[in-house]
C-alpha cells in the first residue's frame, strides 16, 4: 500500500484487502443462506438487502438476527471505528430494505434504530444470546446501533 492510499484510509477502518475479503465472504454466506442454511457459527442469520447510498446499486449483507416479537433485531457491529456500510445504506434508503431468510424470498421491512432505553433492553437479550457480540462491543469505542426490522 502506498503512502497516498494509507493517508486516504480513516483510522480504525478496514484496509483494501480486508474489505475485499468481507465482500467475498459476505457473498458466499449470502448464497448459503439463500440455499437454506439459516445458522452460521451458532447464530441465526439473514440477508439484509439495501441500496448503496452513493451508487444506488443493490447490496446484500449476511447478518445475525435476534427475535423481537414479530420483528427482528440486527446489530451494526462491523466497520471498526465507524458504523458498517450497510448501516449507512439502510439509513440513506430506508424504504428500499428487504430481508431474506434461509430458503425464503425477500420480505420488505421497515428499519428503526432503537433509542437508548429500547436499545438497553434489547442489548441485554442480545448479549445473553450471543456473548461474543457483547465482547466486541466492550472493545469498541463506539456504541453499536441496534436496528429493529419490521415487516411492511
N, C-alpha and C. Protein backbone atom coordinates (compact mmCIF):
# COMPACT_ATOMS: atom_id res chain seq x y z
N UNK A 1 0.85 -1.16 0.00
CA UNK A 1 0.00 0.00 0.00
C UNK A 1 0.90 1.23 0.00
N UNK A 2 0.59 2.17 -0.86
CA UNK A 2 1.41 3.39 -0.93
C UNK A 2 1.03 4.34 0.19
N UNK A 3 1.87 5.35 0.41
CA UNK A 3 1.59 6.35 1.44
C UNK A 3 0.29 7.09 1.14
N UNK A 4 0.01 7.34 -0.14
CA UNK A 4 -1.22 8.03 -0.53
C UNK A 4 -2.43 7.21 -0.13
N UNK A 5 -2.40 5.90 -0.40
CA UNK A 5 -3.52 5.03 -0.04
C UNK A 5 -3.70 4.97 1.47
N UNK A 6 -2.60 4.93 2.21
CA UNK A 6 -2.70 4.89 3.66
C UNK A 6 -3.31 6.18 4.19
N UNK A 7 -2.96 7.31 3.60
CA UNK A 7 -3.47 8.60 4.06
C UNK A 7 -4.97 8.71 3.81
N UNK A 8 -5.50 8.07 2.76
CA UNK A 8 -6.91 8.16 2.43
C UNK A 8 -7.78 7.33 3.37
N UNK A 9 -7.23 6.30 3.95
CA UNK A 9 -7.99 5.41 4.81
C UNK A 9 -8.15 6.02 6.19
N UNK A 10 -9.38 6.02 6.70
CA UNK A 10 -9.64 6.55 8.03
C UNK A 10 -9.12 5.57 9.07
N UNK A 11 -8.55 6.09 10.16
CA UNK A 11 -8.07 5.19 11.22
C UNK A 11 -9.21 4.34 11.76
N UNK A 12 -8.89 3.09 12.06
CA UNK A 12 -9.88 2.19 12.64
C UNK A 12 -10.84 1.59 11.63
N UNK A 13 -10.54 1.77 10.33
CA UNK A 13 -11.39 1.18 9.30
C UNK A 13 -10.61 0.09 8.57
N UNK A 14 -11.32 -0.87 7.98
CA UNK A 14 -10.64 -1.96 7.29
C UNK A 14 -9.86 -1.47 6.06
N UNK A 15 -8.74 -2.13 5.79
CA UNK A 15 -7.95 -1.82 4.61
C UNK A 15 -8.52 -2.48 3.36
N UNK A 16 -7.85 -2.28 2.24
CA UNK A 16 -8.30 -2.79 0.96
C UNK A 16 -8.48 -4.31 0.97
N UNK A 17 -7.50 -5.03 1.48
CA UNK A 17 -7.59 -6.49 1.50
C UNK A 17 -8.74 -6.96 2.40
N UNK A 18 -8.86 -6.35 3.57
CA UNK A 18 -9.94 -6.74 4.49
C UNK A 18 -11.30 -6.50 3.86
N UNK A 19 -11.47 -5.38 3.18
CA UNK A 19 -12.75 -5.08 2.53
C UNK A 19 -13.02 -6.09 1.41
N UNK A 20 -11.99 -6.45 0.66
CA UNK A 20 -12.14 -7.44 -0.42
C UNK A 20 -12.60 -8.76 0.18
N UNK A 21 -11.96 -9.18 1.28
CA UNK A 21 -12.34 -10.43 1.95
C UNK A 21 -13.78 -10.36 2.47
N UNK A 22 -14.17 -9.22 3.02
CA UNK A 22 -15.54 -9.06 3.52
C UNK A 22 -16.55 -9.23 2.39
N UNK A 23 -16.26 -8.65 1.25
CA UNK A 23 -17.17 -8.77 0.10
C UNK A 23 -17.25 -10.22 -0.36
N UNK A 24 -16.12 -10.89 -0.51
CA UNK A 24 -16.11 -12.28 -0.97
C UNK A 24 -16.81 -13.21 0.03
N UNK A 25 -16.48 -13.07 1.31
CA UNK A 25 -17.08 -13.94 2.32
C UNK A 25 -18.56 -13.62 2.51
N UNK A 26 -18.93 -12.34 2.40
CA UNK A 26 -20.33 -11.95 2.50
C UNK A 26 -21.15 -12.55 1.37
N UNK A 27 -20.60 -12.54 0.16
CA UNK A 27 -21.32 -13.12 -0.99
C UNK A 27 -21.48 -14.63 -0.79
N UNK A 28 -20.45 -15.28 -0.29
CA UNK A 28 -20.53 -16.73 -0.05
C UNK A 28 -21.57 -17.05 1.02
N UNK A 29 -21.55 -16.28 2.12
CA UNK A 29 -22.51 -16.51 3.20
C UNK A 29 -23.94 -16.24 2.71
N UNK A 30 -24.12 -15.19 1.91
CA UNK A 30 -25.45 -14.88 1.38
C UNK A 30 -25.98 -16.02 0.52
N UNK A 31 -25.11 -16.60 -0.31
CA UNK A 31 -25.51 -17.76 -1.13
C UNK A 31 -25.95 -18.92 -0.25
N UNK A 32 -25.19 -19.19 0.81
CA UNK A 32 -25.53 -20.30 1.70
C UNK A 32 -26.87 -20.07 2.37
N UNK A 33 -27.13 -18.84 2.80
CA UNK A 33 -28.41 -18.54 3.44
C UNK A 33 -29.54 -18.73 2.44
N UNK A 34 -29.36 -18.20 1.25
CA UNK A 34 -30.40 -18.34 0.21
C UNK A 34 -30.62 -19.80 -0.16
N UNK A 35 -29.59 -20.63 0.00
CA UNK A 35 -29.71 -22.06 -0.30
C UNK A 35 -30.25 -22.87 0.86
N UNK A 36 -30.60 -22.21 1.96
CA UNK A 36 -31.26 -22.92 3.05
C UNK A 36 -30.50 -23.04 4.35
N UNK A 37 -29.29 -22.50 4.44
CA UNK A 37 -28.53 -22.59 5.70
C UNK A 37 -28.88 -21.37 6.56
N UNK A 38 -29.71 -21.59 7.58
CA UNK A 38 -30.21 -20.50 8.41
C UNK A 38 -29.39 -20.20 9.64
N UNK A 39 -28.32 -20.97 9.87
CA UNK A 39 -27.45 -20.72 11.01
C UNK A 39 -25.99 -20.79 10.59
N UNK A 40 -25.20 -19.90 11.17
CA UNK A 40 -23.75 -19.92 10.96
C UNK A 40 -23.10 -19.55 12.28
N UNK A 41 -22.08 -20.29 12.65
CA UNK A 41 -21.34 -20.05 13.88
C UNK A 41 -22.28 -19.96 15.09
N UNK A 42 -23.34 -20.78 15.08
CA UNK A 42 -24.27 -20.81 16.20
C UNK A 42 -25.25 -19.65 16.26
N UNK A 43 -25.32 -18.87 15.20
CA UNK A 43 -26.24 -17.73 15.18
C UNK A 43 -27.23 -17.87 14.04
N UNK A 44 -28.47 -17.41 14.28
CA UNK A 44 -29.45 -17.32 13.20
C UNK A 44 -29.02 -16.19 12.29
N UNK A 45 -29.08 -16.42 10.96
CA UNK A 45 -28.62 -15.41 10.02
C UNK A 45 -29.67 -15.11 8.96
N UNK A 46 -29.60 -13.90 8.43
CA UNK A 46 -30.45 -13.45 7.35
C UNK A 46 -29.59 -12.68 6.36
N UNK A 47 -30.17 -12.37 5.21
CA UNK A 47 -29.51 -11.50 4.24
C UNK A 47 -30.27 -10.18 4.25
N UNK A 48 -29.55 -9.10 4.55
CA UNK A 48 -30.13 -7.76 4.52
C UNK A 48 -29.84 -7.17 3.14
N UNK A 49 -30.90 -6.80 2.42
CA UNK A 49 -30.74 -6.20 1.09
C UNK A 49 -31.01 -4.71 1.18
N UNK A 50 -30.02 -3.91 0.76
CA UNK A 50 -30.14 -2.46 0.76
C UNK A 50 -29.69 -1.95 -0.61
N UNK A 51 -29.79 -0.63 -0.79
CA UNK A 51 -29.21 0.02 -1.96
C UNK A 51 -28.01 0.83 -1.49
N UNK A 52 -26.93 0.80 -2.28
CA UNK A 52 -25.76 1.60 -1.95
C UNK A 52 -26.13 3.06 -1.83
N UNK A 53 -25.63 3.72 -0.79
CA UNK A 53 -26.03 5.12 -0.55
C UNK A 53 -25.56 6.06 -1.64
N UNK A 54 -24.43 5.77 -2.24
CA UNK A 54 -23.94 6.63 -3.33
C UNK A 54 -24.19 6.02 -4.70
N UNK A 55 -24.01 4.72 -4.82
CA UNK A 55 -24.11 4.08 -6.13
C UNK A 55 -25.54 3.75 -6.52
N UNK A 56 -26.40 3.51 -5.52
CA UNK A 56 -27.76 3.07 -5.82
C UNK A 56 -27.81 1.61 -6.24
N UNK A 57 -26.68 0.92 -6.19
CA UNK A 57 -26.60 -0.49 -6.57
C UNK A 57 -27.08 -1.38 -5.43
N UNK A 58 -27.70 -2.52 -5.76
CA UNK A 58 -28.14 -3.44 -4.71
C UNK A 58 -26.95 -3.99 -3.91
N UNK A 59 -27.14 -4.10 -2.62
CA UNK A 59 -26.12 -4.65 -1.72
C UNK A 59 -26.78 -5.71 -0.85
N UNK A 60 -26.10 -6.83 -0.66
CA UNK A 60 -26.59 -7.92 0.18
C UNK A 60 -25.57 -8.17 1.28
N UNK A 61 -26.04 -8.18 2.52
CA UNK A 61 -25.16 -8.35 3.67
C UNK A 61 -25.71 -9.43 4.59
N UNK A 62 -24.95 -10.49 4.84
CA UNK A 62 -25.39 -11.50 5.81
C UNK A 62 -25.20 -10.96 7.23
N UNK A 63 -26.22 -11.14 8.06
CA UNK A 63 -26.16 -10.65 9.43
C UNK A 63 -26.81 -11.64 10.39
N UNK A 64 -26.33 -11.65 11.60
CA UNK A 64 -27.02 -12.39 12.66
C UNK A 64 -28.26 -11.59 13.03
N UNK A 65 -29.33 -12.32 13.39
CA UNK A 65 -30.55 -11.64 13.81
C UNK A 65 -31.05 -12.25 15.10
N UNK A 66 -31.87 -11.46 15.79
CA UNK A 66 -32.41 -11.85 17.08
C UNK A 66 -33.91 -11.55 17.07
N UNK A 67 -34.70 -12.49 17.57
CA UNK A 67 -36.15 -12.33 17.57
C UNK A 67 -36.56 -11.18 18.49
N UNK A 68 -37.59 -10.46 18.05
CA UNK A 68 -38.14 -9.35 18.82
C UNK A 68 -39.64 -9.31 18.54
N UNK A 69 -40.37 -10.26 19.11
CA UNK A 69 -41.79 -10.37 18.81
C UNK A 69 -41.98 -10.73 17.35
N UNK A 70 -42.72 -9.93 16.62
CA UNK A 70 -42.94 -10.14 15.18
C UNK A 70 -41.83 -9.52 14.34
N UNK A 71 -40.86 -8.89 14.98
CA UNK A 71 -39.77 -8.20 14.28
C UNK A 71 -38.45 -8.93 14.50
N UNK A 72 -37.40 -8.40 13.88
CA UNK A 72 -36.06 -8.95 14.01
C UNK A 72 -35.10 -7.83 14.36
N UNK A 73 -34.13 -8.14 15.21
CA UNK A 73 -33.10 -7.16 15.58
C UNK A 73 -31.78 -7.55 14.93
N UNK A 74 -31.06 -6.54 14.44
CA UNK A 74 -29.71 -6.74 13.92
C UNK A 74 -28.81 -5.69 14.58
N UNK A 75 -27.53 -6.01 14.69
CA UNK A 75 -26.57 -5.15 15.37
C UNK A 75 -25.54 -4.66 14.35
N UNK A 76 -25.31 -3.35 14.32
CA UNK A 76 -24.33 -2.76 13.41
C UNK A 76 -22.95 -2.81 14.06
N UNK A 77 -22.40 -4.03 14.15
CA UNK A 77 -21.16 -4.23 14.90
C UNK A 77 -19.90 -4.14 14.04
N UNK A 78 -19.98 -4.45 12.76
CA UNK A 78 -18.78 -4.40 11.92
C UNK A 78 -18.41 -2.97 11.59
N UNK A 79 -17.27 -2.78 10.94
CA UNK A 79 -16.90 -1.45 10.46
C UNK A 79 -15.81 -0.77 11.24
N UNK A 80 -15.27 -1.42 12.25
CA UNK A 80 -14.19 -0.79 13.02
C UNK A 80 -14.69 0.39 13.82
N UNK A 81 -14.06 1.56 13.63
CA UNK A 81 -14.42 2.75 14.41
C UNK A 81 -15.66 3.45 13.85
N UNK A 82 -16.16 3.00 12.71
CA UNK A 82 -17.35 3.59 12.10
C UNK A 82 -18.45 2.54 12.02
N UNK A 83 -19.68 3.00 11.83
CA UNK A 83 -20.76 2.05 11.59
C UNK A 83 -20.48 1.37 10.25
N UNK A 84 -20.91 0.13 10.08
CA UNK A 84 -20.65 -0.58 8.83
C UNK A 84 -21.39 0.07 7.65
N UNK A 85 -20.92 -0.22 6.46
CA UNK A 85 -21.52 0.36 5.25
C UNK A 85 -23.01 0.07 5.13
N UNK A 86 -23.42 -1.16 5.51
CA UNK A 86 -24.84 -1.49 5.37
C UNK A 86 -25.71 -0.57 6.19
N UNK A 87 -25.20 -0.10 7.32
CA UNK A 87 -25.96 0.81 8.18
C UNK A 87 -26.18 2.15 7.46
N UNK A 88 -25.14 2.65 6.82
CA UNK A 88 -25.26 3.91 6.07
C UNK A 88 -26.21 3.72 4.89
N UNK A 89 -26.15 2.58 4.21
CA UNK A 89 -27.06 2.30 3.09
C UNK A 89 -28.50 2.24 3.58
N UNK A 90 -28.72 1.57 4.68
CA UNK A 90 -30.06 1.44 5.25
C UNK A 90 -30.61 2.81 5.64
N UNK A 91 -29.78 3.66 6.22
CA UNK A 91 -30.20 4.99 6.61
C UNK A 91 -30.50 5.86 5.40
N UNK A 92 -29.71 5.71 4.34
CA UNK A 92 -29.90 6.53 3.13
C UNK A 92 -31.15 6.13 2.35
N UNK A 93 -31.49 4.87 2.35
CA UNK A 93 -32.64 4.36 1.57
C UNK A 93 -33.51 3.46 2.44
N UNK A 94 -34.14 4.01 3.48
CA UNK A 94 -34.89 3.16 4.42
C UNK A 94 -36.12 2.50 3.80
N UNK A 95 -36.62 3.02 2.70
CA UNK A 95 -37.80 2.45 2.06
C UNK A 95 -37.44 1.38 1.04
N UNK A 96 -36.17 1.06 0.90
CA UNK A 96 -35.71 0.09 -0.09
C UNK A 96 -35.05 -1.13 0.56
N UNK A 97 -35.50 -1.50 1.75
CA UNK A 97 -34.84 -2.56 2.52
C UNK A 97 -35.70 -3.83 2.51
N UNK A 98 -35.04 -4.97 2.28
CA UNK A 98 -35.69 -6.27 2.40
C UNK A 98 -34.76 -7.21 3.16
N UNK A 99 -35.33 -8.29 3.68
CA UNK A 99 -34.53 -9.34 4.31
C UNK A 99 -34.89 -10.67 3.69
N UNK A 100 -33.94 -11.57 3.69
CA UNK A 100 -34.16 -12.94 3.21
C UNK A 100 -33.72 -13.90 4.30
N UNK A 101 -34.54 -14.91 4.53
CA UNK A 101 -34.20 -15.96 5.48
C UNK A 101 -33.89 -17.22 4.70
N UNK A 102 -33.36 -18.21 5.37
CA UNK A 102 -32.96 -19.46 4.73
C UNK A 102 -34.06 -19.98 3.81
N UNK A 103 -33.70 -20.09 2.54
CA UNK A 103 -34.57 -20.72 1.55
C UNK A 103 -35.93 -20.04 1.37
N UNK A 104 -36.00 -18.73 1.65
CA UNK A 104 -37.25 -17.99 1.50
C UNK A 104 -36.98 -16.73 0.69
N UNK A 105 -38.01 -16.20 0.08
CA UNK A 105 -37.87 -14.99 -0.72
C UNK A 105 -37.69 -13.74 0.13
N UNK A 106 -37.50 -12.62 -0.55
CA UNK A 106 -37.28 -11.34 0.12
C UNK A 106 -38.57 -10.83 0.77
N UNK A 107 -38.43 -10.29 1.96
CA UNK A 107 -39.53 -9.72 2.73
C UNK A 107 -39.25 -8.23 2.89
N UNK A 108 -40.13 -7.34 2.42
CA UNK A 108 -39.92 -5.91 2.62
C UNK A 108 -40.05 -5.55 4.10
N UNK A 109 -39.14 -4.73 4.60
CA UNK A 109 -39.15 -4.35 6.01
C UNK A 109 -38.96 -2.85 6.18
N UNK A 110 -39.37 -2.38 7.34
CA UNK A 110 -39.10 -1.02 7.78
C UNK A 110 -38.03 -1.12 8.84
N UNK A 111 -37.01 -0.28 8.75
CA UNK A 111 -35.91 -0.31 9.71
C UNK A 111 -36.04 0.86 10.68
N UNK A 112 -35.83 0.56 11.97
CA UNK A 112 -35.92 1.57 13.01
C UNK A 112 -34.75 1.38 13.97
N UNK A 113 -33.96 2.44 14.15
CA UNK A 113 -32.87 2.37 15.12
C UNK A 113 -33.47 2.54 16.51
N UNK A 114 -33.12 1.64 17.43
CA UNK A 114 -33.68 1.70 18.77
C UNK A 114 -33.10 2.87 19.55
N UNK A 115 -33.97 3.53 20.32
CA UNK A 115 -33.49 4.63 21.16
C UNK A 115 -32.75 4.04 22.36
N UNK A 116 -32.21 4.90 23.19
CA UNK A 116 -31.34 4.47 24.29
C UNK A 116 -32.01 3.45 25.21
N UNK A 117 -33.25 3.70 25.62
CA UNK A 117 -33.94 2.79 26.54
C UNK A 117 -34.24 1.45 25.88
N UNK A 118 -34.80 1.50 24.67
CA UNK A 118 -35.12 0.25 23.96
C UNK A 118 -33.85 -0.53 23.66
N UNK A 119 -32.78 0.19 23.28
CA UNK A 119 -31.53 -0.48 22.97
C UNK A 119 -30.99 -1.21 24.19
N UNK A 120 -31.04 -0.57 25.35
CA UNK A 120 -30.52 -1.19 26.58
C UNK A 120 -31.27 -2.48 26.89
N UNK A 121 -32.58 -2.47 26.74
CA UNK A 121 -33.37 -3.67 26.99
C UNK A 121 -33.05 -4.76 25.97
N UNK A 122 -32.99 -4.37 24.70
CA UNK A 122 -32.68 -5.34 23.64
C UNK A 122 -31.26 -5.87 23.79
N UNK A 123 -30.33 -4.99 24.16
CA UNK A 123 -28.93 -5.39 24.27
C UNK A 123 -28.74 -6.49 25.31
N UNK A 124 -29.48 -6.42 26.40
CA UNK A 124 -29.38 -7.48 27.42
C UNK A 124 -29.71 -8.84 26.81
N UNK A 125 -30.79 -8.89 26.03
CA UNK A 125 -31.19 -10.16 25.40
C UNK A 125 -30.15 -10.61 24.36
N UNK A 126 -29.65 -9.67 23.58
CA UNK A 126 -28.67 -9.99 22.54
C UNK A 126 -27.38 -10.51 23.17
N UNK A 127 -26.88 -9.81 24.19
CA UNK A 127 -25.63 -10.20 24.85
C UNK A 127 -25.76 -11.56 25.52
N UNK A 128 -26.95 -11.84 26.05
CA UNK A 128 -27.18 -13.14 26.69
C UNK A 128 -27.20 -14.25 25.63
N UNK A 129 -27.83 -13.97 24.50
CA UNK A 129 -27.92 -14.97 23.43
C UNK A 129 -26.58 -15.19 22.74
N UNK A 130 -25.80 -14.12 22.57
CA UNK A 130 -24.51 -14.20 21.87
C UNK A 130 -23.45 -13.38 22.62
N UNK A 131 -22.83 -13.95 23.64
CA UNK A 131 -21.84 -13.21 24.43
C UNK A 131 -20.69 -12.64 23.59
N UNK A 132 -20.39 -13.29 22.45
CA UNK A 132 -19.26 -12.78 21.65
C UNK A 132 -19.54 -11.37 21.12
N UNK A 133 -20.81 -11.06 20.83
CA UNK A 133 -21.15 -9.71 20.36
C UNK A 133 -20.92 -8.70 21.49
N UNK A 134 -21.25 -9.10 22.71
CA UNK A 134 -21.01 -8.22 23.86
C UNK A 134 -19.52 -7.97 24.03
N UNK A 135 -18.69 -8.99 23.79
CA UNK A 135 -17.23 -8.81 23.89
C UNK A 135 -16.72 -7.84 22.83
N UNK A 136 -17.25 -7.93 21.61
CA UNK A 136 -16.86 -6.99 20.56
C UNK A 136 -17.22 -5.57 20.99
N UNK A 137 -18.43 -5.40 21.55
CA UNK A 137 -18.87 -4.07 21.98
C UNK A 137 -17.95 -3.50 23.04
N UNK A 138 -17.52 -4.34 23.98
CA UNK A 138 -16.62 -3.89 25.05
C UNK A 138 -15.31 -3.35 24.50
N UNK A 139 -14.85 -3.89 23.38
CA UNK A 139 -13.57 -3.48 22.79
C UNK A 139 -13.71 -2.26 21.89
N UNK A 140 -14.92 -1.89 21.56
CA UNK A 140 -15.15 -0.80 20.62
C UNK A 140 -15.29 0.55 21.33
N UNK A 141 -14.89 1.60 20.64
CA UNK A 141 -15.04 2.95 21.18
C UNK A 141 -16.41 3.53 20.86
N UNK A 142 -17.16 2.91 19.96
CA UNK A 142 -18.48 3.41 19.59
C UNK A 142 -19.55 2.45 20.10
N UNK A 143 -20.74 2.99 20.32
CA UNK A 143 -21.85 2.14 20.71
C UNK A 143 -22.50 1.58 19.46
N UNK A 144 -22.62 0.25 19.41
CA UNK A 144 -23.22 -0.40 18.25
C UNK A 144 -24.71 -0.07 18.18
N UNK A 145 -25.18 0.43 17.05
CA UNK A 145 -26.62 0.63 16.89
C UNK A 145 -27.33 -0.72 16.82
N UNK A 146 -28.52 -0.78 17.39
CA UNK A 146 -29.39 -1.95 17.26
C UNK A 146 -30.58 -1.50 16.42
N UNK A 147 -30.85 -2.24 15.37
CA UNK A 147 -31.89 -1.90 14.40
C UNK A 147 -33.01 -2.93 14.47
N UNK A 148 -34.24 -2.43 14.56
CA UNK A 148 -35.42 -3.32 14.50
C UNK A 148 -35.93 -3.32 13.07
N UNK A 149 -36.11 -4.52 12.53
CA UNK A 149 -36.64 -4.70 11.19
C UNK A 149 -38.05 -5.28 11.33
N UNK A 150 -39.03 -4.54 10.81
CA UNK A 150 -40.43 -4.95 10.92
C UNK A 150 -41.01 -5.11 9.53
N UNK A 151 -41.71 -6.19 9.34
CA UNK A 151 -42.36 -6.46 8.05
C UNK A 151 -43.28 -5.30 7.68
N UNK A 152 -43.19 -4.86 6.40
CA UNK A 152 -44.08 -3.80 5.91
C UNK A 152 -45.40 -4.38 5.48
